[in-house]
Amino acid sequence: SIYEVRRDEKRFRRIHEFGPADVEFPVGRWFPFHRMTE
């Protein structure tokens, strides 16, 4: 997949997938996060 991450806004979204999804998040929808790894 390809993800767009906006660290300053603490949100991410999947914007493209190449094959079987590696996570169950729909493409295009923003999801908030509290923390992320480097």
PDB file of all heavy atoms in Angstrom:
ATOM      1  N   SER A   1       0.823  -1.219   0.000  1.00  0.00           N
ATOM      2  CA  SER A   1       0.000   0.000   0.000  1.00  0.00           C
ATOM      3  C   SER A   1       0.850   1.259   0.000  1.00  0.00           C
ATOM      4  O   SER A   1       2.052   1.212   0.255  1.00  0.00           O
ATOM      5  CB  SER A   1      -0.897   0.042   1.250  1.00  0.00           C
ATOM      6  OG  SER A   1      -1.765  -1.053   1.311  1.00  0.00           O
ATOM      7  N   ILE A   2       0.186   2.380  -0.273  1.00  0.00           N
ATOM      8  CA  ILE A   2       0.799   3.701  -0.119  1.00  0.00           C
ATOM      9  C   ILE A   2      -0.058   4.465   0.881  1.00  0.00           C
ATOM     10  O   ILE A   2      -1.289   4.457   0.799  1.00  0.00           O
ATOM     11  CB  ILE A   2       0.849   4.473  -1.451  1.00  0.00           C
ATOM     12  CG1 ILE A   2       1.674   3.709  -2.485  1.00  0.00           C
ATOM     13  CG2 ILE A   2       1.444   5.870  -1.247  1.00  0.00           C
ATOM     14  CD1 ILE A   2       1.637   4.326  -3.871  1.00  0.00           C
ATOM     15  N   TYR A   3       0.604   5.117   1.826  1.00  0.00           N
ATOM     16  CA  TYR A   3      -0.063   5.882   2.871  1.00  0.00           C
ATOM     17  C   TYR A   3       0.353   7.343   2.791  1.00  0.00           C
ATOM     18  O   TYR A   3       1.501   7.641   2.482  1.00  0.00           O
ATOM     19  CB  TYR A   3       0.335   5.374   4.270  1.00  0.00           C
ATOM     20  CG  TYR A   3      -0.100   3.965   4.546  1.00  0.00           C
ATOM     21  CD1 TYR A   3       0.676   2.893   4.128  1.00  0.00           C
ATOM     22  CD2 TYR A   3      -1.282   3.708   5.223  1.00  0.00           C
ATOM     23  CE1 TYR A   3       0.279   1.590   4.367  1.00  0.00           C
ATOM     24  CE2 TYR A   3      -1.687   2.411   5.477  1.00  0.00           C
ATOM     25  CZ  TYR A   3      -0.903   1.356   5.047  1.00  0.00           C
ATOM     26  OH  TYR A   3      -1.302   0.073   5.288  1.00  0.00           O
ATOM     27  N   GLU A   4      -0.587   8.216   3.106  1.00  0.00           N
ATOM     28  CA  GLU A   4      -0.270   9.620   3.329  1.00  0.00           C
ATOM     29  C   GLU A   4      -0.392   9.838   4.829  1.00  0.00           C
ATOM     30  O   GLU A   4      -1.404   9.471   5.438  1.00  0.00           O
ATOM     31  CB  GLU A   4      -1.243  10.532   2.596  1.00  0.00           C
ATOM     32  CG  GLU A   4      -0.975  12.001   2.856  1.00  0.00           C
ATOM     33  CD  GLU A   4      -1.963  12.925   2.158  1.00  0.00           C
ATOM     34  OE1 GLU A   4      -2.923  12.454   1.532  1.00  0.00           O
ATOM     35  OE2 GLU A   4      -1.760  14.147   2.256  1.00  0.00           O
ATOM     36  N   VAL A   5       0.648  10.398   5.436  1.00  0.00           N
ATOM     37  CA  VAL A   5       0.656  10.635   6.879  1.00  0.00           C
ATOM     38  C   VAL A   5       0.852  12.118   7.133  1.00  0.00           C
ATOM     39  O   VAL A   5       1.769  12.733   6.579  1.00  0.00           O
ATOM     40  CB  VAL A   5       1.789   9.839   7.572  1.00  0.00           C
ATOM     41  CG1 VAL A   5       1.805  10.123   9.065  1.00  0.00           C
ATOM     42  CG2 VAL A   5       1.651   8.350   7.301  1.00  0.00           C
ATOM     43  N   ARG A   6      -0.014  12.676   7.925  1.00  0.00           N
ATOM     44  CA  ARG A   6       0.122  14.077   8.350  1.00  0.00           C
ATOM     45  C   ARG A   6       0.406  14.073   9.840  1.00  0.00           C
ATOM     46  O   ARG A   6      -0.516  14.057  10.658  1.00  0.00           O
ATOM     47  CB  ARG A   6      -1.136  14.851   8.010  1.00  0.00           C
ATOM     48  CG  ARG A   6      -1.340  14.929   6.509  1.00  0.00           C
ATOM     49  CD  ARG A   6      -2.347  15.950   6.123  1.00  0.00           C
ATOM     50  NE  ARG A   6      -2.500  15.982   4.680  1.00  0.00           N
ATOM     51  CZ  ARG A   6      -3.519  16.559   4.074  1.00  0.00           C
ATOM     52  NH1 ARG A   6      -4.452  17.154   4.784  1.00  0.00           N
ATOM     53  NH2 ARG A   6      -3.588  16.555   2.769  1.00  0.00           N
ATOM     54  N   ARG A   7       1.692  14.027  10.173  1.00  0.00           N
ATOM     55  CA  ARG A   7       2.101  13.924  11.578  1.00  0.00           C
ATOM     56  C   ARG A   7       1.622  15.100  12.408  1.00  0.00           C
ATOM     57  O   ARG A   7       1.205  14.923  13.552  1.00  0.00           O
ATOM     58  CB  ARG A   7       3.617  13.818  11.684  1.00  0.00           C
ATOM     59  CG  ARG A   7       4.139  12.465  11.347  1.00  0.00           C
ATOM     60  CD  ARG A   7       5.618  12.441  11.527  1.00  0.00           C
ATOM     61  NE  ARG A   7       5.992  11.151  12.069  1.00  0.00           N
ATOM     62  CZ  ARG A   7       7.225  10.769  12.256  1.00  0.00           C
ATOM     63  NH1 ARG A   7       8.222  11.586  11.994  1.00  0.00           N
ATOM     64  NH2 ARG A   7       7.488   9.580  12.743  1.00  0.00           N
ATOM     65  N   ASP A   8       1.679  16.314  11.847  1.00  0.00           N
ATOM     66  CA  ASP A   8       1.259  17.485  12.611  1.00  0.00           C
ATOM     67  C   ASP A   8      -0.231  17.443  12.942  1.00  0.00           C
ATOM     68  O   ASP A   8      -0.665  17.968  13.955  1.00  0.00           O
ATOM     69  CB  ASP A   8       1.615  18.774  11.867  1.00  0.00           C
ATOM     70  CG  ASP A   8       1.018  18.844  10.471  1.00  0.00           C
ATOM     71  OD1 ASP A   8       0.788  17.784   9.843  1.00  0.00           O
ATOM     72  OD2 ASP A   8       0.773  19.964   9.991  1.00  0.00           O
ATOM     73  N   GLU A   9      -1.020  16.796  12.102  1.00  0.00           N
ATOM     74  CA  GLU A   9      -2.462  16.661  12.331  1.00  0.00           C
ATOM     75  C   GLU A   9      -2.810  15.326  12.987  1.00  0.00           C
ATOM     76  O   GLU A   9      -3.983  15.074  13.284  1.00  0.00           O
ATOM     77  CB  GLU A   9      -3.210  16.789  11.005  1.00  0.00           C
ATOM     78  CG  GLU A   9      -3.014  18.131  10.332  1.00  0.00           C
ATOM     79  CD  GLU A   9      -3.635  18.175   8.940  1.00  0.00           C
ATOM     80  OE1 GLU A   9      -4.510  17.334   8.631  1.00  0.00           O
ATOM     81  OE2 GLU A   9      -3.246  19.058   8.156  1.00  0.00           O
ATOM     82  N   LYS A  10      -1.813  14.451  13.161  1.00  0.00           N
ATOM     83  CA  LYS A  10      -1.979  13.120  13.754  1.00  0.00           C
ATOM     84  C   LYS A  10      -3.077  12.319  13.057  1.00  0.00           C
ATOM     85  O   LYS A  10      -4.018  11.828  13.684  1.00  0.00           O
ATOM     86  CB  LYS A  10      -2.231  13.223  15.251  1.00  0.00           C
ATOM     87  CG  LYS A  10      -1.018  13.730  15.996  1.00  0.00           C
ATOM     88  CD  LYS A  10      -1.140  13.478  17.469  1.00  0.00           C
ATOM     89  CE  LYS A  10       0.149  13.916  18.113  1.00  0.00           C
ATOM     90  NZ  LYS A  10       0.702  12.948  18.997  1.00  0.00           N
ATOM     91  N   ARG A  11      -2.922  12.189  11.750  1.00  0.00           N
ATOM     92  CA  ARG A  11      -3.865  11.370  10.988  1.00  0.00           C
ATOM     93  C   ARG A  11      -3.154  10.744   9.796  1.00  0.00           C
ATOM     94  O   ARG A  11      -2.118  11.232   9.344  1.00  0.00           O
ATOM     95  CB  ARG A  11      -5.081  12.177  10.548  1.00  0.00           C
ATOM     96  CG  ARG A  11      -4.785  13.322   9.611  1.00  0.00           C
ATOM     97  CD  ARG A  11      -6.042  14.121   9.357  1.00  0.00           C
ATOM     98  NE  ARG A  11      -5.816  15.150   8.361  1.00  0.00           N
ATOM     99  CZ  ARG A  11      -6.707  15.537   7.474  1.00  0.00           C
ATOM    100  NH1 ARG A  11      -7.906  14.999   7.449  1.00  0.00           N
ATOM    101  NH2 ARG A  11      -6.424  16.480   6.604  1.00  0.00           N
ATOM    102  N   PHE A  12      -3.715   9.641   9.297  1.00  0.00           N
ATOM    103  CA  PHE A  12      -3.150   8.936   8.153  1.00  0.00           C
ATOM    104  C   PHE A  12      -4.280   8.342   7.321  1.00  0.00           C
ATOM    105  O   PHE A  12      -5.402   8.191   7.793  1.00  0.00           O
ATOM    106  CB  PHE A  12      -2.188   7.822   8.607  1.00  0.00           C
ATOM    107  CG  PHE A  12      -2.863   6.619   9.214  1.00  0.00           C
ATOM    108  CD1 PHE A  12      -3.115   5.485   8.454  1.00  0.00           C
ATOM    109  CD2 PHE A  12      -3.244   6.611  10.550  1.00  0.00           C
ATOM    110  CE1 PHE A  12      -3.741   4.376   9.015  1.00  0.00           C
ATOM    111  CE2 PHE A  12      -3.854   5.506  11.120  1.00  0.00           C
ATOM    112  CZ  PHE A  12      -4.100   4.388  10.346  1.00  0.00           C
ATOM    113  N   ARG A  13      -3.936   8.007   6.081  1.00  0.00           N
ATOM    114  CA  ARG A  13      -4.896   7.320   5.210  1.00  0.00           C
ATOM    115  C   ARG A  13      -4.127   6.476   4.203  1.00  0.00           C
ATOM    116  O   ARG A  13      -3.010   6.806   3.813  1.00  0.00           O
ATOM    117  CB  ARG A  13      -5.821   8.295   4.495  1.00  0.00           C
ATOM    118  CG  ARG A  13      -5.119   9.190   3.497  1.00  0.00           C
ATOM    119  CD  ARG A  13      -6.086  10.130   2.832  1.00  0.00           C
ATOM    120  NE  ARG A  13      -5.390  11.076   1.967  1.00  0.00           N
ATOM    121  CZ  ARG A  13      -5.942  11.718   0.976  1.00  0.00           C
ATOM    122  NH1 ARG A  13      -7.224  11.540   0.706  1.00  0.00           N
ATOM    123  NH2 ARG A  13      -5.240  12.549   0.247  1.00  0.00           N
ATOM    124  N   ARG A  14      -4.742   5.375   3.808  1.00  0.00           N
ATOM    125  CA  ARG A  14      -4.208   4.582   2.699  1.00  0.00           C
ATOM    126  C   ARG A  14      -4.712   5.238   1.430  1.00  0.00           C
ATOM    127  O   ARG A  14      -5.888   5.557   1.315  1.00  0.00           O
ATOM    128  CB  ARG A  14      -4.736   3.147   2.754  1.00  0.00           C
ATOM    129  CG  ARG A  14      -3.873   2.262   3.555  1.00  0.00           C
ATOM    130  CD  ARG A  14      -4.268   0.809   3.544  1.00  0.00           C
ATOM    131  NE  ARG A  14      -5.582   0.525   3.015  1.00  0.00           N
ATOM    132  CZ  ARG A  14      -5.860  -0.491   2.212  1.00  0.00           C
ATOM    133  NH1 ARG A  14      -4.931  -1.318   1.847  1.00  0.00           N
ATOM    134  NH2 ARG A  14      -7.073  -0.708   1.789  1.00  0.00           N
ATOM    135  N   ILE A  15      -3.814   5.453   0.469  1.00  0.00           N
ATOM    136  CA  ILE A  15      -4.239   6.131  -0.754  1.00  0.00           C
ATOM    137  C   ILE A  15      -4.123   5.246  -1.987  1.00  0.00           C
ATOM    138  O   ILE A  15      -4.588   5.620  -3.050  1.00  0.00           O
ATOM    139  CB  ILE A  15      -3.464   7.452  -0.956  1.00  0.00           C
ATOM    140  CG1 ILE A  15      -1.955   7.233  -0.907  1.00  0.00           C
ATOM    141  CG2 ILE A  15      -3.879   8.468   0.090  1.00  0.00           C
ATOM    142  CD1 ILE A  15      -1.133   8.475  -1.201  1.00  0.00           C
ATOM    143  N   HIS A  16      -3.517   4.064  -1.821  1.00  0.00           N
ATOM    144  CA  HIS A  16      -3.405   3.136  -2.948  1.00  0.00           C
ATOM    145  C   HIS A  16      -3.018   1.769  -2.413  1.00  0.00           C
ATOM    146  O   HIS A  16      -2.309   1.676  -1.414  1.00  0.00           O
ATOM    147  CB  HIS A  16      -2.343   3.627  -3.940  1.00  0.00           C
ATOM    148  CG  HIS A  16      -2.220   2.787  -5.173  1.00  0.00           C
ATOM    149  ND1 HIS A  16      -3.220   2.689  -6.112  1.00  0.00           N
ATOM    150  CD2 HIS A  16      -1.223   1.995  -5.610  1.00  0.00           C
ATOM    151  CE1 HIS A  16      -2.823   1.882  -7.087  1.00  0.00           C
ATOM    152  NE2 HIS A  16      -1.619   1.446  -6.789  1.00  0.00           N
ATOM    153  N   GLU A  17      -3.502   0.706  -3.052  1.00  0.00           N
ATOM    154  CA  GLU A  17      -3.074  -0.637  -2.685  1.00  0.00           C
ATOM    155  C   GLU A  17      -2.638  -1.388  -3.929  1.00  0.00           C
ATOM    156  O   GLU A  17      -3.169  -1.172  -5.021  1.00  0.00           O
ATOM    157  CB  GLU A  17      -4.157  -1.392  -1.920  1.00  0.00           C
ATOM    158  CG  GLU A  17      -5.435  -1.586  -2.678  1.00  0.00           C
ATOM    159  CD  GLU A  17      -6.514  -2.228  -1.829  1.00  0.00           C
ATOM    160  OE1 GLU A  17      -6.551  -1.992  -0.609  1.00  0.00           O
ATOM    161  OE2 GLU A  17      -7.327  -2.969  -2.409  1.00  0.00           O
ATOM    162  N   PHE A  18      -1.624  -2.237  -3.766  1.00  0.00           N
ATOM    163  CA  PHE A  18      -1.053  -2.982  -4.892  1.00  0.00           C
ATOM    164  C   PHE A  18      -1.599  -4.399  -4.997  1.00  0.00           C
ATOM    165  O   PHE A  18      -1.539  -5.009  -6.030  1.00  0.00           O
ATOM    166  CB  PHE A  18       0.476  -3.088  -4.755  1.00  0.00           C
ATOM    167  CG  PHE A  18       1.166  -1.771  -4.729  1.00  0.00           C
ATOM    168  CD1 PHE A  18       1.789  -1.344  -3.575  1.00  0.00           C
ATOM    169  CD2 PHE A  18       1.183  -0.944  -5.830  1.00  0.00           C
ATOM    170  CE1 PHE A  18       2.438  -0.125  -3.528  1.00  0.00           C
ATOM    171  CE2 PHE A  18       1.815   0.283  -5.787  1.00  0.00           C
ATOM    172  CZ  PHE A  18       2.450   0.683  -4.633  1.00  0.00           C
ATOM    173  N   GLY A  19      -2.033  -4.959  -3.933  1.00  0.00           N
ATOM    174  CA  GLY A  19      -2.481  -6.344  -3.910  1.00  0.00           C
ATOM    175  C   GLY A  19      -3.316  -6.561  -2.673  1.00  0.00           C
ATOM    176  O   GLY A  19      -4.064  -5.682  -2.280  1.00  0.00           O
ATOM    177  N   PRO A  20      -3.145  -7.717  -2.040  1.00  0.00           N
ATOM    178  CA  PRO A  20      -3.907  -7.957  -0.810  1.00  0.00           C
ATOM    179  C   PRO A  20      -3.612  -6.866   0.219  1.00  0.00           C
ATOM    180  O   PRO A  20      -2.460  -6.485   0.416  1.00  0.00           O
ATOM    181  CB  PRO A  20      -3.376  -9.300  -0.319  1.00  0.00           C
ATOM    182  CG  PRO A  20      -2.694  -9.920  -1.498  1.00  0.00           C
ATOM    183  CD  PRO A  20      -2.253  -8.799  -2.381  1.00  0.00           C
ATOM    184  N   ALA A  21      -4.665  -6.367   0.821  1.00  0.00           N
ATOM    185  CA  ALA A  21      -4.502  -5.281   1.804  1.00  0.00           C
ATOM    186  C   ALA A  21      -3.692  -5.759   2.992  1.00  0.00           C
ATOM    187  O   ALA A  21      -3.904  -6.856   3.492  1.00  0.00           O
ATOM    188  CB  ALA A  21      -5.868  -4.788   2.251  1.00  0.00           C
ATOM    189  N   ASP A  22      -2.759  -4.917   3.446  1.00  0.00           N
ATOM    190  CA  ASP A  22      -1.977  -5.266   4.629  1.00  0.00           C
ATOM    191  C   ASP A  22      -2.685  -4.845   5.908  1.00  0.00           C
ATOM    192  O   ASP A  22      -2.315  -5.271   6.992  1.00  0.00           O
ATOM    193  CB  ASP A  22      -0.556  -4.688   4.564  1.00  0.00           C
ATOM    194  CG  ASP A  22      -0.506  -3.215   4.210  1.00  0.00           C
ATOM    195  OD1 ASP A  22      -1.556  -2.639   3.894  1.00  0.00           O
ATOM    196  OD2 ASP A  22       0.593  -2.647   4.251  1.00  0.00           O
ATOM    197  N   VAL A  23      -3.695  -4.020   5.791  1.00  0.00           N
ATOM    198  CA  VAL A  23      -4.530  -3.611   6.925  1.00  0.00           C
ATOM    199  C   VAL A  23      -5.973  -3.492   6.436  1.00  0.00           C
ATOM    200  O   VAL A  23      -6.223  -3.467   5.245  1.00  0.00           O
ATOM    201  CB  VAL A  23      -4.071  -2.264   7.534  1.00  0.00           C
ATOM    202  CG1 VAL A  23      -2.703  -2.386   8.149  1.00  0.00           C
ATOM    203  CG2 VAL A  23      -4.109  -1.159   6.524  1.00  0.00           C
ATOM    204  N   GLU A  24      -6.895  -3.402   7.371  1.00  0.00           N
ATOM    205  CA  GLU A  24      -8.313  -3.360   7.016  1.00  0.00           C
ATOM    206  C   GLU A  24      -8.877  -1.946   6.950  1.00  0.00           C
ATOM    207  O   GLU A  24     -10.036  -1.737   7.236  1.00  0.00           O
ATOM    208  CB  GLU A  24      -9.109  -4.188   8.026  1.00  0.00           C
ATOM    209  CG  GLU A  24      -8.759  -5.663   8.001  1.00  0.00           C
ATOM    210  CD  GLU A  24      -9.042  -6.299   6.639  1.00  0.00           C
ATOM    211  OE1 GLU A  24     -10.088  -6.004   6.031  1.00  0.00           O
ATOM    212  OE2 GLU A  24      -8.199  -7.077   6.187  1.00  0.00           O
ATOM    213  N   PHE A  25      -8.077  -0.971   6.591  1.00  0.00           N
ATOM    214  CA  PHE A  25      -8.553   0.397   6.481  1.00  0.00           C
ATOM    215  C   PHE A  25      -8.902   0.689   5.028  1.00  0.00           C
ATOM    216  O   PHE A  25      -8.100   0.447   4.134  1.00  0.00           O
ATOM    217  CB  PHE A  25      -7.481   1.382   6.960  1.00  0.00           C
ATOM    218  CG  PHE A  25      -7.211   1.292   8.431  1.00  0.00           C
ATOM    219  CD1 PHE A  25      -6.075   0.664   8.903  1.00  0.00           C
ATOM    220  CD2 PHE A  25      -8.108   1.829   9.334  1.00  0.00           C
ATOM    221  CE1 PHE A  25      -5.831   0.572  10.261  1.00  0.00           C
ATOM    222  CE2 PHE A  25      -7.873   1.743  10.697  1.00  0.00           C
ATOM    223  CZ  PHE A  25      -6.736   1.116  11.162  1.00  0.00           C
ATOM    224  N   PRO A  26     -10.108   1.227   4.788  1.00  0.00           N
ATOM    225  CA  PRO A  26     -10.482   1.539   3.414  1.00  0.00           C
ATOM    226  C   PRO A  26      -9.590   2.622   2.803  1.00  0.00           C
ATOM    227  O   PRO A  26      -9.107   3.502   3.498  1.00  0.00           O
ATOM    228  CB  PRO A  26     -11.922   2.021   3.518  1.00  0.00           C
ATOM    229  CG  PRO A  26     -12.244   2.145   4.946  1.00  0.00           C
ATOM    230  CD  PRO A  26     -11.140   1.554   5.750  1.00  0.00           C
ATOM    231  N   VAL A  27      -9.382   2.517   1.510  1.00  0.00           N
ATOM    232  CA  VAL A  27      -8.572   3.499   0.788  1.00  0.00           C
ATOM    233  C   VAL A  27      -9.282   4.847   0.807  1.00  0.00           C
ATOM    234  O   VAL A  27     -10.479   4.933   0.578  1.00  0.00           O
ATOM    235  CB  VAL A  27      -8.327   3.022  -0.659  1.00  0.00           C
ATOM    236  CG1 VAL A  27      -7.661   4.113  -1.485  1.00  0.00           C
ATOM    237  CG2 VAL A  27      -7.482   1.760  -0.672  1.00  0.00           C
ATOM    238  N   GLY A  28      -8.520   5.905   1.104  1.00  0.00           N
ATOM    239  CA  GLY A  28      -9.036   7.269   1.020  1.00  0.00           C
ATOM    240  C   GLY A  28      -9.559   7.862   2.308  1.00  0.00           C
ATOM    241  O   GLY A  28      -9.627   9.079   2.436  1.00  0.00           O
ATOM    242  N   ARG A  29      -9.931   7.050   3.277  1.00  0.00           N
ATOM    243  CA  ARG A  29     -10.505   7.574   4.522  1.00  0.00           C
ATOM    244  C   ARG A  29      -9.401   7.921   5.518  1.00  0.00           C
ATOM    245  O   ARG A  29      -8.468   7.165   5.710  1.00  0.00           O
ATOM    246  CB  ARG A  29     -11.438   6.534   5.132  1.00  0.00           C
ATOM    247  CG  ARG A  29     -12.122   7.036   6.355  1.00  0.00           C
ATOM    248  CD  ARG A  29     -13.200   6.083   6.822  1.00  0.00           C
ATOM    249  NE  ARG A  29     -13.565   6.447   8.186  1.00  0.00           N
ATOM    250  CZ  ARG A  29     -13.993   5.606   9.075  1.00  0.00           C
ATOM    251  NH1 ARG A  29     -14.146   4.330   8.761  1.00  0.00           N
ATOM    252  NH2 ARG A  29     -14.279   6.011  10.284  1.00  0.00           N
ATOM    253  N   TRP A  30      -9.526   9.082   6.156  1.00  0.00           N
ATOM    254  CA  TRP A  30      -8.555   9.520   7.165  1.00  0.00           C
ATOM    255  C   TRP A  30      -8.844   8.842   8.494  1.00  0.00           C
ATOM    256  O   TRP A  30     -10.001   8.692   8.885  1.00  0.00           O
ATOM    257  CB  TRP A  30      -8.616  11.027   7.364  1.00  0.00           C
ATOM    258  CG  TRP A  30      -8.030  11.802   6.241  1.00  0.00           C
ATOM    259  CD1 TRP A  30      -8.705  12.451   5.246  1.00  0.00           C
ATOM    260  CD2 TRP A  30      -6.638  12.024   5.981  1.00  0.00           C
ATOM    261  NE1 TRP A  30      -7.824  13.056   4.383  1.00  0.00           N
ATOM    262  CE2 TRP A  30      -6.543  12.815   4.820  1.00  0.00           C
ATOM    263  CE3 TRP A  30      -5.463  11.627   6.618  1.00  0.00           C
ATOM    264  CZ2 TRP A  30      -5.337  13.219   4.281  1.00  0.00           C
ATOM    265  CZ3 TRP A  30      -4.252  12.027   6.090  1.00  0.00           C
ATOM    266  CH2 TRP A  30      -4.191  12.813   4.942  1.00  0.00           C
ATOM    267  N   PHE A  31      -7.764   8.456   9.200  1.00  0.00           N
ATOM    268  CA  PHE A  31      -7.868   7.862  10.530  1.00  0.00           C
ATOM    269  C   PHE A  31      -6.936   8.604  11.476  1.00  0.00           C
ATOM    270  O   PHE A  31      -5.787   8.860  11.139  1.00  0.00           O
ATOM    271  CB  PHE A  31      -7.483   6.376  10.497  1.00  0.00           C
ATOM    272  CG  PHE A  31      -8.447   5.549   9.713  1.00  0.00           C
ATOM    273  CD1 PHE A  31      -8.241   5.317   8.364  1.00  0.00           C
ATOM    274  CD2 PHE A  31      -9.580   5.023  10.319  1.00  0.00           C
ATOM    275  CE1 PHE A  31      -9.138   4.575   7.632  1.00  0.00           C
ATOM    276  CE2 PHE A  31     -10.485   4.271   9.593  1.00  0.00           C
ATOM    277  CZ  PHE A  31     -10.268   4.047   8.248  1.00  0.00           C
ATOM    278  N   PRO A  32      -7.425   8.943  12.669  1.00  0.00           N
ATOM    279  CA  PRO A  32      -6.572   9.626  13.635  1.00  0.00           C
ATOM    280  C   PRO A  32      -5.640   8.637  14.337  1.00  0.00           C
ATOM    281  O   PRO A  32      -5.938   7.449  14.414  1.00  0.00           O
ATOM    282  CB  PRO A  32      -7.572  10.215  14.636  1.00  0.00           C
ATOM    283  CG  PRO A  32      -8.737   9.282  14.578  1.00  0.00           C
ATOM    284  CD  PRO A  32      -8.790   8.787  13.154  1.00  0.00           C
ATOM    285  N   PHE A  33      -4.515   9.119  14.817  1.00  0.00           N
ATOM    286  CA  PHE A  33      -3.638   8.291  15.643  1.00  0.00           C
ATOM    287  C   PHE A  33      -3.085   9.144  16.775  1.00  0.00           C
ATOM    288  O   PHE A  33      -3.030  10.368  16.677  1.00  0.00           O
ATOM    289  CB  PHE A  33      -2.512   7.650  14.821  1.00  0.00           C
ATOM    290  CG  PHE A  33      -1.514   8.608  14.219  1.00  0.00           C
ATOM    291  CD1 PHE A  33      -0.392   9.008  14.927  1.00  0.00           C
ATOM    292  CD2 PHE A  33      -1.694   9.103  12.930  1.00  0.00           C
ATOM    293  CE1 PHE A  33       0.526   9.884  14.378  1.00  0.00           C
ATOM    294  CE2 PHE A  33      -0.774   9.981  12.373  1.00  0.00           C
ATOM    295  CZ  PHE A  33       0.342  10.374  13.094  1.00  0.00           C
ATOM    296  N   HIS A  34      -2.706   8.486  17.843  1.00  0.00           N
ATOM    297  CA  HIS A  34      -2.115   9.175  18.992  1.00  0.00           C
ATOM    298  C   HIS A  34      -0.597   9.184  18.877  1.00  0.00           C
ATOM    299  O   HIS A  34       0.059  10.153  19.207  1.00  0.00           O
ATOM    300  CB  HIS A  34      -2.553   8.484  20.287  1.00  0.00           C
ATOM    301  CG  HIS A  34      -2.022   9.120  21.525  1.00  0.00           C
ATOM    302  ND1 HIS A  34      -2.491  10.319  21.995  1.00  0.00           N
ATOM    303  CD2 HIS A  34      -1.044   8.748  22.374  1.00  0.00           C
ATOM    304  CE1 HIS A  34      -1.826  10.646  23.084  1.00  0.00           C
ATOM    305  NE2 HIS A  34      -0.938   9.712  23.337  1.00  0.00           N
ATOM    306  N   ARG A  35      -0.044   8.074  18.372  1.00  0.00           N
ATOM    307  CA  ARG A  35       1.403   7.931  18.236  1.00  0.00           C
ATOM    308  C   ARG A  35       1.686   7.002  17.074  1.00  0.00           C
ATOM    309  O   ARG A  35       0.875   6.146  16.737  1.00  0.00           O
ATOM    310  CB  ARG A  35       1.970   7.342  19.526  1.00  0.00           C
ATOM    311  CG  ARG A  35       3.468   7.300  19.596  1.00  0.00           C
ATOM    312  CD  ARG A  35       3.958   6.824  20.960  1.00  0.00           C
ATOM    313  NE  ARG A  35       3.900   5.390  21.156  1.00  0.00           N
ATOM    314  CZ  ARG A  35       4.769   4.522  20.651  1.00  0.00           C
ATOM    315  NH1 ARG A  35       5.742   4.929  19.881  1.00  0.00           N
ATOM    316  NH2 ARG A  35       4.652   3.236  20.909  1.00  0.00           N
ATOM    317  N   MET A  36       2.861   7.176  16.468  1.00  0.00           N
ATOM    318  CA  MET A  36       3.299   6.248  15.417  1.00  0.00           C
ATOM    319  C   MET A  36       4.787   5.974  15.603  1.00  0.00           C
ATOM    320  O   MET A  36       5.514   6.791  16.162  1.00  0.00           O
ATOM    321  CB  MET A  36       3.029   6.794  14.017  1.00  0.00           C
ATOM    322  CG  MET A  36       3.854   7.991  13.618  1.00  0.00           C
ATOM    323  SD  MET A  36       3.536   8.595  11.944  1.00  0.00           S
ATOM    324  CE  MET A  36       4.559   7.505  10.978  1.00  0.00           C
ATOM    325  N   THR A  37       5.227   4.805  15.121  1.00  0.00           N
ATOM    326  CA  THR A  37       6.646   4.493  15.176  1.00  0.00           C
ATOM    327  C   THR A  37       7.355   5.222  14.046  1.00  0.00           C
ATOM    328  O   THR A  37       6.728   5.686  13.090  1.00  0.00           O
ATOM    329  CB  THR A  37       6.885   2.976  15.047  1.00  0.00           C
ATOM    330  OG1 THR A  37       6.299   2.513  13.824  1.00  0.00           O
ATOM    331  CG2 THR A  37       6.282   2.213  16.225  1.00  0.00           C
ATOM    332  N   GLU A  38       8.677   5.334  14.148  1.00  0.00           N
ATOM    333  CA  GLU A  38       9.455   5.972  13.088  1.00  0.00           C
ATOM    334  C   GLU A  38       9.385   5.115  11.826  1.00  0.00           C
ATOM    335  O   GLU A  38       9.537   3.897  11.890  1.00  0.00           O
ATOM    336  CB  GLU A  38      10.914   6.136  13.511  1.00  0.00           C
ATOM    337  CG  GLU A  38      11.139   7.280  14.463  1.00  0.00           C
ATOM    338  CD  GLU A  38      10.680   8.614  13.896  1.00  0.00           C
ATOM    339  OE1 GLU A  38      11.033   8.959  12.750  1.00  0.00           O
ATOM    340  OE2 GLU A  38       9.961   9.331  14.608  1.00  0.00           O
TER     341      GLU A  38
END
